Amino acid sequence: MTSFVPENAVVWAEIPVSDMERAKAFYGAVLDNAPADQNDGPNPMAVFACKEREAVSGHLYPGKPASQGSGNTIHLAVAAPLEDALKRVTDNGGTVVSPVIEIPAGRFAYCLDPDGNSIGIFCA
């Protein structure tokens, strides 16, 4: 029996937000790059920047977030130092909910965006 082994286990991430403009401002500030509006699909969305078009990415969309901290956690890349990005989380209405965690691939911390979505802010 053969198993399907994809190139990437995750192919896309969607983060539901109650206020697109607030969310774009928050994520743009925290990630130090603004999600780009893309309105050619069934719903308006703001897509996270990445170097290559085929890279794994994701977007914000108008939707109903899960109750605070109870949904999936999307980990998003930031430039070093991680502590600067964590300060931008709190400066822009989010909450840092864990200490910095070190793993072989890098460092991250769990956070909540202004809608209560669980996110990881990750730095290689």
PDB file of N, CA and C in Angstrom:
ATOM      1  N   MET A   1       0.844  -1.183   0.000  1.00  0.00           N
ATOM      2  CA  MET A   1       0.000   0.000   0.000  1.00  0.00           C
ATOM      3  C   MET A   1       0.889   1.246   0.000  1.00  0.00           C
ATOM      4  N   THR A   2       0.600   2.170  -0.867  1.00  0.00           N
ATOM      5  CA  THR A   2       1.353   3.430  -0.950  1.00  0.00           C
ATOM      6  C   THR A   2       0.631   4.510  -0.161  1.00  0.00           C
ATOM      7  N   SER A   3       1.427   5.341   0.436  1.00  0.00           N
ATOM      8  CA  SER A   3       0.885   6.484   1.172  1.00  0.00           C
ATOM      9  C   SER A   3       1.185   7.758   0.403  1.00  0.00           C
ATOM     10  N   PHE A   4       0.270   8.669   0.481  1.00  0.00           N
ATOM     11  CA  PHE A   4       0.483   9.981  -0.114  1.00  0.00           C
ATOM     12  C   PHE A   4       1.314  10.811   0.859  1.00  0.00           C
ATOM     13  N   VAL A   5       2.442  11.328   0.400  1.00  0.00           N
ATOM     14  CA  VAL A   5       3.294  12.189   1.209  1.00  0.00           C
ATOM     15  C   VAL A   5       3.439  13.513   0.460  1.00  0.00           C
ATOM     16  N   PRO A   6       2.722  14.556   0.917  1.00  0.00           N
ATOM     17  CA  PRO A   6       2.763  15.831   0.204  1.00  0.00           C
ATOM     18  C   PRO A   6       4.075  16.574   0.443  1.00  0.00           C
ATOM     19  N   GLU A   7       4.361  17.512  -0.425  1.00  0.00           N
ATOM     20  CA  GLU A   7       5.544  18.354  -0.244  1.00  0.00           C
ATOM     21  C   GLU A   7       5.431  19.168   1.046  1.00  0.00           C
ATOM     22  N   ASN A   8       4.250  19.705   1.307  1.00  0.00           N
ATOM     23  CA  ASN A   8       3.984  20.456   2.539  1.00  0.00           C
ATOM     24  C   ASN A   8       2.723  19.883   3.176  1.00  0.00           C
ATOM     25  N   ALA A   9       2.761  19.598   4.460  1.00  0.00           N
ATOM     26  CA  ALA A   9       1.585  19.061   5.144  1.00  0.00           C
ATOM     27  C   ALA A   9       0.474  20.103   5.230  1.00  0.00           C
ATOM     28  N   VAL A  10       0.847  21.352   5.406  1.00  0.00           N
ATOM     29  CA  VAL A  10      -0.117  22.451   5.427  1.00  0.00           C
ATOM     30  C   VAL A  10       0.013  23.174   4.098  1.00  0.00           C
ATOM     31  N   VAL A  11      -1.115  23.450   3.436  1.00  0.00           N
ATOM     32  CA  VAL A  11      -1.045  24.118   2.142  1.00  0.00           C
ATOM     33  C   VAL A  11      -1.558  25.547   2.180  1.00  0.00           C
ATOM     34  N   TRP A  12      -2.368  25.897   3.176  1.00  0.00           N
ATOM     35  CA  TRP A  12      -2.893  27.253   3.267  1.00  0.00           C
ATOM     36  C   TRP A  12      -3.489  27.429   4.648  1.00  0.00           C
ATOM     37  N   ALA A  13      -3.472  28.664   5.155  1.00  0.00           N
ATOM     38  CA  ALA A  13      -4.057  28.959   6.461  1.00  0.00           C
ATOM     39  C   ALA A  13      -5.016  30.134   6.319  1.00  0.00           C
ATOM     40  N   GLU A  14      -6.141  30.052   6.989  1.00  0.00           N
ATOM     41  CA  GLU A  14      -7.126  31.132   6.984  1.00  0.00           C
ATOM     42  C   GLU A  14      -7.374  31.573   8.423  1.00  0.00           C
ATOM     43  N   ILE A  15      -7.377  32.875   8.636  1.00  0.00           N
ATOM     44  CA  ILE A  15      -7.647  33.428   9.961  1.00  0.00           C
ATOM     45  C   ILE A  15      -8.895  34.293   9.859  1.00  0.00           C
ATOM     46  N   PRO A  16      -9.992  33.880  10.523  1.00  0.00           N
ATOM     47  CA  PRO A  16     -11.213  34.686  10.488  1.00  0.00           C
ATOM     48  C   PRO A  16     -11.080  35.891  11.415  1.00  0.00           C
ATOM     49  N   VAL A  17     -11.518  37.049  10.938  1.00  0.00           N
ATOM     50  CA  VAL A  17     -11.419  38.269  11.740  1.00  0.00           C
ATOM     51  C   VAL A  17     -12.739  39.038  11.682  1.00  0.00           C
ATOM     52  N   SER A  18     -13.033  39.748  12.740  1.00  0.00           N
ATOM     53  CA  SER A  18     -14.288  40.496  12.799  1.00  0.00           C
ATOM     54  C   SER A  18     -14.179  41.881  12.161  1.00  0.00           C
ATOM     55  N   ASP A  19     -12.962  42.404  12.037  1.00  0.00           N
ATOM     56  CA  ASP A  19     -12.744  43.739  11.485  1.00  0.00           C
ATOM     57  C   ASP A  19     -11.495  43.679  10.601  1.00  0.00           C
ATOM     58  N   MET A  20     -11.691  43.631   9.288  1.00  0.00           N
ATOM     59  CA  MET A  20     -10.563  43.470   8.362  1.00  0.00           C
ATOM     60  C   MET A  20      -9.532  44.579   8.486  1.00  0.00           C
ATOM     61  N   GLU A  21      -9.964  45.817   8.578  1.00  0.00           N
ATOM     62  CA  GLU A  21      -8.996  46.929   8.642  1.00  0.00           C
ATOM     63  C   GLU A  21      -8.158  46.840   9.915  1.00  0.00           C
ATOM     64  N   ARG A  22      -8.793  46.541  11.047  1.00  0.00           N
ATOM     65  CA  ARG A  22      -8.052  46.389  12.305  1.00  0.00           C
ATOM     66  C   ARG A  22      -7.085  45.219  12.205  1.00  0.00           C
ATOM     67  N   ALA A  23      -7.540  44.107  11.628  1.00  0.00           N
ATOM     68  CA  ALA A  23      -6.690  42.918  11.509  1.00  0.00           C
ATOM     69  C   ALA A  23      -5.508  43.177  10.582  1.00  0.00           C
ATOM     70  N   LYS A  24      -5.754  43.841   9.451  1.00  0.00           N
ATOM     71  CA  LYS A  24      -4.644  44.141   8.533  1.00  0.00           C
ATOM     72  C   LYS A  24      -3.627  45.048   9.213  1.00  0.00           C
ATOM     73  N   ALA A  25      -4.090  46.010   9.978  1.00  0.00           N
ATOM     74  CA  ALA A  25      -3.167  46.895  10.693  1.00  0.00           C
ATOM     75  C   ALA A  25      -2.369  46.112  11.732  1.00  0.00           C
ATOM     76  N   PHE A  26      -3.034  45.253  12.496  1.00  0.00           N
ATOM     77  CA  PHE A  26      -2.358  44.447  13.521  1.00  0.00           C
ATOM     78  C   PHE A  26      -1.302  43.546  12.881  1.00  0.00           C
ATOM     79  N   TYR A  27      -1.706  42.725  11.910  1.00  0.00           N
ATOM     80  CA  TYR A  27      -0.764  41.781  11.315  1.00  0.00           C
ATOM     81  C   TYR A  27       0.328  42.500  10.524  1.00  0.00           C
ATOM     82  N   GLY A  28       0.000  43.587   9.865  1.00  0.00           N
ATOM     83  CA  GLY A  28       1.015  44.354   9.157  1.00  0.00           C
ATOM     84  C   GLY A  28       2.083  44.872  10.105  1.00  0.00           C
ATOM     85  N   ALA A  29       1.652  45.380  11.269  1.00  0.00           N
ATOM     86  CA  ALA A  29       2.604  45.892  12.261  1.00  0.00           C
ATOM     87  C   ALA A  29       3.424  44.765  12.880  1.00  0.00           C
ATOM     88  N   VAL A  30       2.772  43.689  13.293  1.00  0.00           N
ATOM     89  CA  VAL A  30       3.464  42.591  13.973  1.00  0.00           C
ATOM     90  C   VAL A  30       4.452  41.895  13.039  1.00  0.00           C
ATOM     91  N   LEU A  31       4.023  41.602  11.819  1.00  0.00           N
ATOM     92  CA  LEU A  31       4.870  40.866  10.880  1.00  0.00           C
ATOM     93  C   LEU A  31       5.841  41.766  10.130  1.00  0.00           C
ATOM     94  N   ASP A  32       5.672  43.066  10.252  1.00  0.00           N
ATOM     95  CA  ASP A  32       6.484  44.051   9.562  1.00  0.00           C
ATOM     96  C   ASP A  32       6.331  43.953   8.045  1.00  0.00           C
ATOM     97  N   ASN A  33       5.158  43.532   7.598  1.00  0.00           N
ATOM     98  CA  ASN A  33       4.766  43.591   6.196  1.00  0.00           C
ATOM     99  C   ASN A  33       3.245  43.466   6.134  1.00  0.00           C
ATOM    100  N   ALA A  34       2.643  44.240   5.296  1.00  0.00           N
ATOM    101  CA  ALA A  34       1.189  44.329   5.263  1.00  0.00           C
ATOM    102  C   ALA A  34       0.583  43.213   4.416  1.00  0.00           C
ATOM    103  N   PRO A  35      -0.451  42.547   4.926  1.00  0.00           N
ATOM    104  CA  PRO A  35      -1.184  41.604   4.083  1.00  0.00           C
ATOM    105  C   PRO A  35      -1.810  42.364   2.905  1.00  0.00           C
ATOM    106  N   ALA A  36      -1.773  41.760   1.725  1.00  0.00           N
ATOM    107  CA  ALA A  36      -2.263  42.421   0.511  1.00  0.00           C
ATOM    108  C   ALA A  36      -3.707  42.042   0.224  1.00  0.00           C
ATOM    109  N   ASP A  37      -4.531  43.053  -0.039  1.00  0.00           N
ATOM    110  CA  ASP A  37      -5.919  42.801  -0.406  1.00  0.00           C
ATOM    111  C   ASP A  37      -5.978  41.968  -1.673  1.00  0.00           C
ATOM    112  N   GLN A  38      -6.852  40.973  -1.659  1.00  0.00           N
ATOM    113  CA  GLN A  38      -7.079  40.145  -2.842  1.00  0.00           C
ATOM    114  C   GLN A  38      -8.573  39.837  -2.857  1.00  0.00           C
ATOM    115  N   ASN A  39      -9.271  40.411  -3.791  1.00  0.00           N
ATOM    116  CA  ASN A  39     -10.725  40.298  -3.809  1.00  0.00           C
ATOM    117  C   ASN A  39     -11.250  39.593  -5.053  1.00  0.00           C
ATOM    118  N   ASP A  40     -10.482  38.640  -5.577  1.00  0.00           N
ATOM    119  CA  ASP A  40     -10.915  37.938  -6.779  1.00  0.00           C
ATOM    120  C   ASP A  40     -11.548  36.578  -6.491  1.00  0.00           C
ATOM    121  N   GLY A  41     -11.715  36.252  -5.208  1.00  0.00           N
ATOM    122  CA  GLY A  41     -12.347  34.991  -4.826  1.00  0.00           C
ATOM    123  C   GLY A  41     -13.762  35.213  -4.335  1.00  0.00           C
ATOM    124  N   PRO A  42     -14.326  34.214  -3.690  1.00  0.00           N
ATOM    125  CA  PRO A  42     -15.706  34.336  -3.218  1.00  0.00           C
ATOM    126  C   PRO A  42     -15.869  35.311  -2.047  1.00  0.00           C
ATOM    127  N   ASN A  43     -14.781  35.586  -1.338  1.00  0.00           N
ATOM    128  CA  ASN A  43     -14.814  36.505  -0.202  1.00  0.00           C
ATOM    129  C   ASN A  43     -13.620  37.441  -0.280  1.00  0.00           C
ATOM    130  N   PRO A  44     -13.759  38.643   0.278  1.00  0.00           N
ATOM    131  CA  PRO A  44     -12.571  39.495   0.368  1.00  0.00           C
ATOM    132  C   PRO A  44     -11.553  38.848   1.297  1.00  0.00           C
ATOM    133  N   MET A  45     -10.291  39.068   1.016  1.00  0.00           N
ATOM    134  CA  MET A  45      -9.236  38.533   1.874  1.00  0.00           C
ATOM    135  C   MET A  45      -8.015  39.427   1.792  1.00  0.00           C
ATOM    136  N   ALA A  46      -7.127  39.255   2.754  1.00  0.00           N
ATOM    137  CA  ALA A  46      -5.839  39.934   2.774  1.00  0.00           C
ATOM    138  C   ALA A  46      -4.780  38.842   2.952  1.00  0.00           C
ATOM    139  N   VAL A  47      -3.926  38.684   1.950  1.00  0.00           N
ATOM    140  CA  VAL A  47      -2.978  37.580   1.878  1.00  0.00           C
ATOM    141  C   VAL A  47      -1.641  37.978   2.504  1.00  0.00           C
ATOM    142  N   PHE A  48      -1.083  37.058   3.298  1.00  0.00           N
ATOM    143  CA  PHE A  48       0.229  37.280   3.907  1.00  0.00           C
ATOM    144  C   PHE A  48       1.316  37.211   2.834  1.00  0.00           C
ATOM    145  N   ALA A  49       2.300  38.079   2.949  1.00  0.00           N
ATOM    146  CA  ALA A  49       3.408  38.128   1.995  1.00  0.00           C
ATOM    147  C   ALA A  49       4.336  36.930   2.179  1.00  0.00           C
ATOM    148  N   CYS A  50       4.874  36.445   1.058  1.00  0.00           N
ATOM    149  CA  CYS A  50       5.916  35.425   1.085  1.00  0.00           C
ATOM    150  C   CYS A  50       6.757  35.591  -0.175  1.00  0.00           C
ATOM    151  N   LYS A  51       7.965  35.064  -0.163  1.00  0.00           N
ATOM    152  CA  LYS A  51       8.909  35.291  -1.264  1.00  0.00           C
ATOM    153  C   LYS A  51       8.456  34.693  -2.583  1.00  0.00           C
ATOM    154  N   GLU A  52       7.862  33.504  -2.547  1.00  0.00           N
ATOM    155  CA  GLU A  52       7.496  32.834  -3.787  1.00  0.00           C
ATOM    156  C   GLU A  52       5.992  32.630  -3.859  1.00  0.00           C
ATOM    157  N   ARG A  53       5.445  32.768  -5.038  1.00  0.00           N
ATOM    158  CA  ARG A  53       3.992  32.638  -5.231  1.00  0.00           C
ATOM    159  C   ARG A  53       3.479  31.263  -4.788  1.00  0.00           C
ATOM    160  N   GLU A  54       4.254  30.219  -4.996  1.00  0.00           N
ATOM    161  CA  GLU A  54       3.829  28.868  -4.660  1.00  0.00           C
ATOM    162  C   GLU A  54       4.103  28.499  -3.204  1.00  0.00           C
ATOM    163  N   ALA A  55       4.683  29.394  -2.434  1.00  0.00           N
ATOM    164  CA  ALA A  55       5.004  29.093  -1.040  1.00  0.00           C
ATOM    165  C   ALA A  55       3.725  28.918  -0.214  1.00  0.00           C
ATOM    166  N   VAL A  56       3.840  28.201   0.875  1.00  0.00           N
ATOM    167  CA  VAL A  56       2.722  28.061   1.806  1.00  0.00           C
ATOM    168  C   VAL A  56       2.501  29.409   2.476  1.00  0.00           C
ATOM    169  N   SER A  57       1.273  29.866   2.475  1.00  0.00           N
ATOM    170  CA  SER A  57       0.950  31.155   3.072  1.00  0.00           C
ATOM    171  C   SER A  57      -0.441  31.065   3.677  1.00  0.00           C
ATOM    172  N   GLY A  58      -1.125  32.177   3.699  1.00  0.00           N
ATOM    173  CA  GLY A  58      -2.468  32.206   4.242  1.00  0.00           C
ATOM    174  C   GLY A  58      -3.056  33.592   4.109  1.00  0.00           C
ATOM    175  N   HIS A  59      -4.255  33.747   4.676  1.00  0.00           N
ATOM    176  CA  HIS A  59      -4.900  35.050   4.563  1.00  0.00           C
ATOM    177  C   HIS A  59      -5.854  35.310   5.723  1.00  0.00           C
ATOM    178  N   LEU A  60      -6.214  36.573   5.845  1.00  0.00           N
ATOM    179  CA  LEU A  60      -7.268  37.019   6.750  1.00  0.00           C
ATOM    180  C   LEU A  60      -8.546  37.087   5.940  1.00  0.00           C
ATOM    181  N   TYR A  61      -9.677  36.827   6.567  1.00  0.00           N
ATOM    182  CA  TYR A  61     -10.952  36.974   5.869  1.00  0.00           C
ATOM    183  C   TYR A  61     -12.029  37.353   6.876  1.00  0.00           C
ATOM    184  N   PRO A  62     -13.067  38.059   6.420  1.00  0.00           N
ATOM    185  CA  PRO A  62     -14.147  38.406   7.327  1.00  0.00           C
ATOM    186  C   PRO A  62     -14.865  37.130   7.759  1.00  0.00           C
ATOM    187  N   GLY A  63     -14.872  36.872   9.037  1.00  0.00           N
ATOM    188  CA  GLY A  63     -15.499  35.649   9.533  1.00  0.00           C
ATOM    189  C   GLY A  63     -15.671  35.707  11.033  1.00  0.00           C
ATOM    190  N   LYS A  64     -16.126  34.613  11.582  1.00  0.00           N
ATOM    191  CA  LYS A  64     -16.363  34.537  13.020  1.00  0.00           C
ATOM    192  C   LYS A  64     -15.214  33.771  13.675  1.00  0.00           C
ATOM    193  N   PRO A  65     -14.357  34.481  14.418  1.00  0.00           N
ATOM    194  CA  PRO A  65     -13.265  33.797  15.108  1.00  0.00           C
ATOM    195  C   PRO A  65     -13.813  32.834  16.163  1.00  0.00           C
ATOM    196  N   ALA A  66     -13.053  31.792  16.464  1.00  0.00           N
ATOM    197  CA  ALA A  66     -13.392  30.892  17.559  1.00  0.00           C
ATOM    198  C   ALA A  66     -13.321  31.693  18.865  1.00  0.00           C
ATOM    199  N   SER A  67     -13.931  31.174  19.915  1.00  0.00           N
ATOM    200  CA  SER A  67     -13.837  31.888  21.182  1.00  0.00           C
ATOM    201  C   SER A  67     -12.366  31.988  21.588  1.00  0.00           C
ATOM    202  N   GLN A  68     -12.053  33.017  22.339  1.00  0.00           N
ATOM    203  CA  GLN A  68     -10.667  33.402  22.622  1.00  0.00           C
ATOM    204  C   GLN A  68      -9.757  32.225  22.957  1.00  0.00           C
ATOM    205  N   GLY A  69      -8.750  32.051  22.112  1.00  0.00           N
ATOM    206  CA  GLY A  69      -7.710  31.056  22.338  1.00  0.00           C
ATOM    207  C   GLY A  69      -8.127  29.615  22.120  1.00  0.00           C
ATOM    208  N   SER A  70      -9.328  29.375  21.578  1.00  0.00           N
ATOM    209  CA  SER A  70      -9.796  27.988  21.465  1.00  0.00           C
ATOM    210  C   SER A  70      -9.675  27.417  20.058  1.00  0.00           C
ATOM    211  N   GLY A  71      -9.335  28.233  19.077  1.00  0.00           N
ATOM    212  CA  GLY A  71      -9.231  27.743  17.702  1.00  0.00           C
ATOM    213  C   GLY A  71      -7.861  27.158  17.413  1.00  0.00           C
ATOM    214  N   ASN A  72      -7.621  26.877  16.153  1.00  0.00           N
ATOM    215  CA  ASN A  72      -6.303  26.398  15.728  1.00  0.00           C
ATOM    216  C   ASN A  72      -5.265  27.484  15.943  1.00  0.00           C
ATOM    217  N   THR A  73      -4.018  27.091  16.012  1.00  0.00           N
ATOM    218  CA  THR A  73      -2.930  28.054  16.132  1.00  0.00           C
ATOM    219  C   THR A  73      -2.164  28.097  14.822  1.00  0.00           C
ATOM    220  N   ILE A  74      -2.075  29.284  14.245  1.00  0.00           N
ATOM    221  CA  ILE A  74      -1.307  29.507  13.022  1.00  0.00           C
ATOM    222  C   ILE A  74       0.010  30.158  13.446  1.00  0.00           C
ATOM    223  N   HIS A  75       1.132  29.588  13.023  1.00  0.00           N
ATOM    224  CA  HIS A  75       2.441  30.160  13.343  1.00  0.00           C
ATOM    225  C   HIS A  75       2.902  31.006  12.158  1.00  0.00           C
ATOM    226  N   LEU A  76       3.300  32.232  12.447  1.00  0.00           N
ATOM    227  CA  LEU A  76       3.691  33.201  11.419  1.00  0.00           C
ATOM    228  C   LEU A  76       5.135  33.640  11.637  1.00  0.00           C
ATOM    229  N   ALA A  77       5.864  33.773  10.533  1.00  0.00           N
ATOM    230  CA  ALA A  77       7.285  34.110  10.583  1.00  0.00           C
ATOM    231  C   ALA A  77       7.500  35.606  10.743  1.00  0.00           C
ATOM    232  N   VAL A  78       8.476  35.957  11.571  1.00  0.00           N
ATOM    233  CA  VAL A  78       8.908  37.343  11.751  1.00  0.00           C
ATOM    234  C   VAL A  78      10.426  37.380  11.696  1.00  0.00           C
ATOM    235  N   ALA A  79      10.964  38.568  11.439  1.00  0.00           N
ATOM    236  CA  ALA A  79      12.411  38.759  11.446  1.00  0.00           C
ATOM    237  C   ALA A  79      12.902  38.877  12.886  1.00  0.00           C
ATOM    238  N   ALA A  80      14.148  38.486  13.097  1.00  0.00           N
ATOM    239  CA  ALA A  80      14.776  38.632  14.417  1.00  0.00           C
ATOM    240  C   ALA A  80      14.971  40.110  14.713  1.00  0.00           C
ATOM    241  N   PRO A  81      14.971  40.481  15.962  1.00  0.00           N
ATOM    242  CA  PRO A  81      14.774  39.653  17.146  1.00  0.00           C
ATOM    243  C   PRO A  81      13.285  39.427  17.455  1.00  0.00           C
ATOM    244  N   LEU A  82      12.990  38.241  17.920  1.00  0.00           N
ATOM    245  CA  LEU A  82      11.622  37.855  18.245  1.00  0.00           C
ATOM    246  C   LEU A  82      10.990  38.814  19.250  1.00  0.00           C
ATOM    247  N   GLU A  83      11.761  39.271  20.207  1.00  0.00           N
ATOM    248  CA  GLU A  83      11.224  40.150  21.251  1.00  0.00           C
ATOM    249  C   GLU A  83      10.641  41.444  20.682  1.00  0.00           C
ATOM    250  N   ASP A  84      11.212  41.943  19.592  1.00  0.00           N
ATOM    251  CA  ASP A  84      10.654  43.148  18.961  1.00  0.00           C
ATOM    252  C   ASP A  84       9.252  42.874  18.416  1.00  0.00           C
ATOM    253  N   ALA A  85       9.080  41.715  17.783  1.00  0.00           N
ATOM    254  CA  ALA A  85       7.759  41.359  17.253  1.00  0.00           C
ATOM    255  C   ALA A  85       6.753  41.161  18.389  1.00  0.00           C
ATOM    256  N   LEU A  86       7.180  40.581  19.496  1.00  0.00           N
ATOM    257  CA  LEU A  86       6.264  40.370  20.628  1.00  0.00           C
ATOM    258  C   LEU A  86       5.835  41.707  21.221  1.00  0.00           C
ATOM    259  N   LYS A  87       6.726  42.682  21.225  1.00  0.00           N
ATOM    260  CA  LYS A  87       6.344  44.017  21.689  1.00  0.00           C
ATOM    261  C   LYS A  87       5.313  44.626  20.738  1.00  0.00           C
ATOM    262  N   ARG A  88       5.491  44.388  19.432  1.00  0.00           N
ATOM    263  CA  ARG A  88       4.513  44.895  18.462  1.00  0.00           C
ATOM    264  C   ARG A  88       3.149  44.228  18.643  1.00  0.00           C
ATOM    265  N   VAL A  89       3.134  42.972  19.101  1.00  0.00           N
ATOM    266  CA  VAL A  89       1.856  42.303  19.392  1.00  0.00           C
ATOM    267  C   VAL A  89       1.098  43.108  20.440  1.00  0.00           C
ATOM    268  N   THR A  90       1.741  43.376  21.567  1.00  0.00           N
ATOM    269  CA  THR A  90       1.043  44.087  22.653  1.00  0.00           C
ATOM    270  C   THR A  90       0.781  45.542  22.299  1.00  0.00           C
ATOM    271  N   ASP A  91       1.694  46.177  21.584  1.00  0.00           N
ATOM    272  CA  ASP A  91       1.499  47.582  21.185  1.00  0.00           C
ATOM    273  C   ASP A  91       0.314  47.762  20.233  1.00  0.00           C
ATOM    274  N   ASN A  92      -0.103  46.676  19.579  1.00  0.00           N
ATOM    275  CA  ASN A  92      -1.151  46.768  18.565  1.00  0.00           C
ATOM    276  C   ASN A  92      -2.428  46.017  18.949  1.00  0.00           C
ATOM    277  N   GLY A  93      -2.619  45.785  20.238  1.00  0.00           N
ATOM    278  CA  GLY A  93      -3.888  45.236  20.706  1.00  0.00           C
ATOM    279  C   GLY A  93      -3.950  43.742  20.881  1.00  0.00           C
ATOM    280  N   GLY A  94      -2.847  43.049  20.699  1.00  0.00           N
ATOM    281  CA  GLY A  94      -2.817  41.610  20.925  1.00  0.00           C
ATOM    282  C   GLY A  94      -2.263  41.288  22.307  1.00  0.00           C
ATOM    283  N   THR A  95      -2.166  39.998  22.596  1.00  0.00           N
ATOM    284  CA  THR A  95      -1.687  39.541  23.897  1.00  0.00           C
ATOM    285  C   THR A  95      -0.657  38.436  23.706  1.00  0.00           C
ATOM    286  N   VAL A  96       0.470  38.538  24.382  1.00  0.00           N
ATOM    287  CA  VAL A  96       1.458  37.455  24.404  1.00  0.00           C
ATOM    288  C   VAL A  96       1.056  36.552  25.567  1.00  0.00           C
ATOM    289  N   VAL A  97       0.853  35.266  25.302  1.00  0.00           N
ATOM    290  CA  VAL A  97       0.326  34.374  26.339  1.00  0.00           C
ATOM    291  C   VAL A  97       1.298  33.293  26.789  1.00  0.00           C
ATOM    292  N   SER A  98       2.523  33.303  26.274  1.00  0.00           N
ATOM    293  CA  SER A  98       3.512  32.327  26.729  1.00  0.00           C
ATOM    294  C   SER A  98       4.873  32.995  26.781  1.00  0.00           C
ATOM    295  N   PRO A  99       5.786  32.382  27.505  1.00  0.00           N
ATOM    296  CA  PRO A  99       7.170  32.857  27.390  1.00  0.00           C
ATOM    297  C   PRO A  99       7.713  32.432  26.028  1.00  0.00           C
ATOM    298  N   VAL A 100       8.878  32.926  25.676  1.00  0.00           N
ATOM    299  CA  VAL A 100       9.544  32.497  24.442  1.00  0.00           C
ATOM    300  C   VAL A 100       9.922  31.024  24.608  1.00  0.00           C
ATOM    301  N   ILE A 101       9.616  30.243  23.594  1.00  0.00           N
ATOM    302  CA  ILE A 101       9.886  28.803  23.599  1.00  0.00           C
ATOM    303  C   ILE A 101      10.958  28.529  22.553  1.00  0.00           C
ATOM    304  N   GLU A 102      12.006  27.827  22.948  1.00  0.00           N
ATOM    305  CA  GLU A 102      13.093  27.499  22.024  1.00  0.00           C
ATOM    306  C   GLU A 102      12.925  26.061  21.547  1.00  0.00           C
ATOM    307  N   ILE A 103      12.999  25.880  20.228  1.00  0.00           N
ATOM    308  CA  ILE A 103      12.962  24.561  19.611  1.00  0.00           C
ATOM    309  C   ILE A 103      14.122  24.493  18.626  1.00  0.00           C
ATOM    310  N   PRO A 104      14.474  23.312  18.136  1.00  0.00           N
ATOM    311  CA  PRO A 104      15.613  23.244  17.216  1.00  0.00           C
ATOM    312  C   PRO A 104      15.479  24.156  15.990  1.00  0.00           C
ATOM    313  N   ALA A 105      14.276  24.371  15.494  1.00  0.00           N
ATOM    314  CA  ALA A 105      14.089  25.189  14.293  1.00  0.00           C
ATOM    315  C   ALA A 105      14.144  26.685  14.555  1.00  0.00           C
ATOM    316  N   GLY A 106      14.011  27.114  15.810  1.00  0.00           N
ATOM    317  CA  GLY A 106      14.013  28.546  16.112  1.00  0.00           C
ATOM    318  C   GLY A 106      13.348  28.845  17.448  1.00  0.00           C
ATOM    319  N   ARG A 107      12.728  30.018  17.537  1.00  0.00           N
ATOM    320  CA  ARG A 107      12.092  30.476  18.779  1.00  0.00           C
ATOM    321  C   ARG A 107      10.711  31.022  18.437  1.00  0.00           C
ATOM    322  N   PHE A 108       9.754  30.832  19.359  1.00  0.00           N
ATOM    323  CA  PHE A 108       8.415  31.362  19.134  1.00  0.00           C
ATOM    324  C   PHE A 108       7.731  31.616  20.464  1.00  0.00           C
ATOM    325  N   ALA A 109       6.607  32.317  20.388  1.00  0.00           N
ATOM    326  CA  ALA A 109       5.745  32.511  21.555  1.00  0.00           C
ATOM    327  C   ALA A 109       4.307  32.459  21.076  1.00  0.00           C
ATOM    328  N   TYR A 110       3.448  31.931  21.922  1.00  0.00           N
ATOM    329  CA  TYR A 110       2.017  31.922  21.628  1.00  0.00           C
ATOM    330  C   TYR A 110       1.439  33.293  21.951  1.00  0.00           C
ATOM    331  N   CYS A 111       0.527  33.747  21.096  1.00  0.00           N
ATOM    332  CA  CYS A 111      -0.100  35.056  21.258  1.00  0.00           C
ATOM    333  C   CYS A 111      -1.568  34.954  20.864  1.00  0.00           C
ATOM    334  N   LEU A 112      -2.319  36.003  21.161  1.00  0.00           N
ATOM    335  CA  LEU A 112      -3.689  36.156  20.691  1.00  0.00           C
ATOM    336  C   LEU A 112      -3.762  37.445  19.904  1.00  0.00           C
ATOM    337  N   ASP A 113      -4.439  37.420  18.763  1.00  0.00           N
ATOM    338  CA  ASP A 113      -4.655  38.658  18.011  1.00  0.00           C
ATOM    339  C   ASP A 113      -5.822  39.413  18.654  1.00  0.00           C
ATOM    340  N   PRO A 114      -6.164  40.597  18.188  1.00  0.00           N
ATOM    341  CA  PRO A 114      -7.255  41.361  18.816  1.00  0.00           C
ATOM    342  C   PRO A 114      -8.613  40.648  18.813  1.00  0.00           C
ATOM    343  N   ASP A 115      -8.811  39.661  17.918  1.00  0.00           N
ATOM    344  CA  ASP A 115     -10.048  38.882  17.901  1.00  0.00           C
ATOM    345  C   ASP A 115      -9.976  37.650  18.798  1.00  0.00           C
ATOM    346  N   GLY A 116      -8.826  37.405  19.410  1.00  0.00           N
ATOM    347  CA  GLY A 116      -8.667  36.216  20.240  1.00  0.00           C
ATOM    348  C   GLY A 116      -8.168  34.998  19.492  1.00  0.00           C
ATOM    349  N   ASN A 117      -7.849  35.154  18.183  1.00  0.00           N
ATOM    350  CA  ASN A 117      -7.278  34.036  17.426  1.00  0.00           C
ATOM    351  C   ASN A 117      -5.923  33.665  18.002  1.00  0.00           C
ATOM    352  N   SER A 118      -5.663  32.368  18.141  1.00  0.00           N
ATOM    353  CA  SER A 118      -4.377  31.872  18.632  1.00  0.00           C
ATOM    354  C   SER A 118      -3.369  31.895  17.500  1.00  0.00           C
ATOM    355  N   ILE A 119      -2.264  32.569  17.717  1.00  0.00           N
ATOM    356  CA  ILE A 119      -1.179  32.616  16.726  1.00  0.00           C
ATOM    357  C   ILE A 119       0.142  32.351  17.422  1.00  0.00           C
ATOM    358  N   GLY A 120       1.076  31.812  16.678  1.00  0.00           N
ATOM    359  CA  GLY A 120       2.446  31.681  17.145  1.00  0.00           C
ATOM    360  C   GLY A 120       3.279  32.676  16.356  1.00  0.00           C
ATOM    361  N   ILE A 121       4.111  33.427  17.037  1.00  0.00           N
ATOM    362  CA  ILE A 121       5.023  34.345  16.364  1.00  0.00           C
ATOM    363  C   ILE A 121       6.390  33.661  16.401  1.00  0.00           C
ATOM    364  N   PHE A 122       6.911  33.317  15.216  1.00  0.00           N
ATOM    365  CA  PHE A 122       8.072  32.446  15.084  1.00  0.00           C
ATOM    366  C   PHE A 122       9.228  33.154  14.392  1.00  0.00           C
ATOM    367  N   CYS A 123      10.423  32.915  14.902  1.00  0.00           N
ATOM    368  CA  CYS A 123      11.653  33.471  14.329  1.00  0.00           C
ATOM    369  C   CYS A 123      12.688  32.346  14.251  1.00  0.00           C
ATOM    370  N   ALA A 124      13.214  32.108  13.056  1.00  0.00           N
ATOM    371  CA  ALA A 124      14.219  31.053  12.877  1.00  0.00           C
ATOM    372  C   ALA A 124      15.550  31.464  13.460  1.00  0.00           C
TER     373      ALA A 124
END
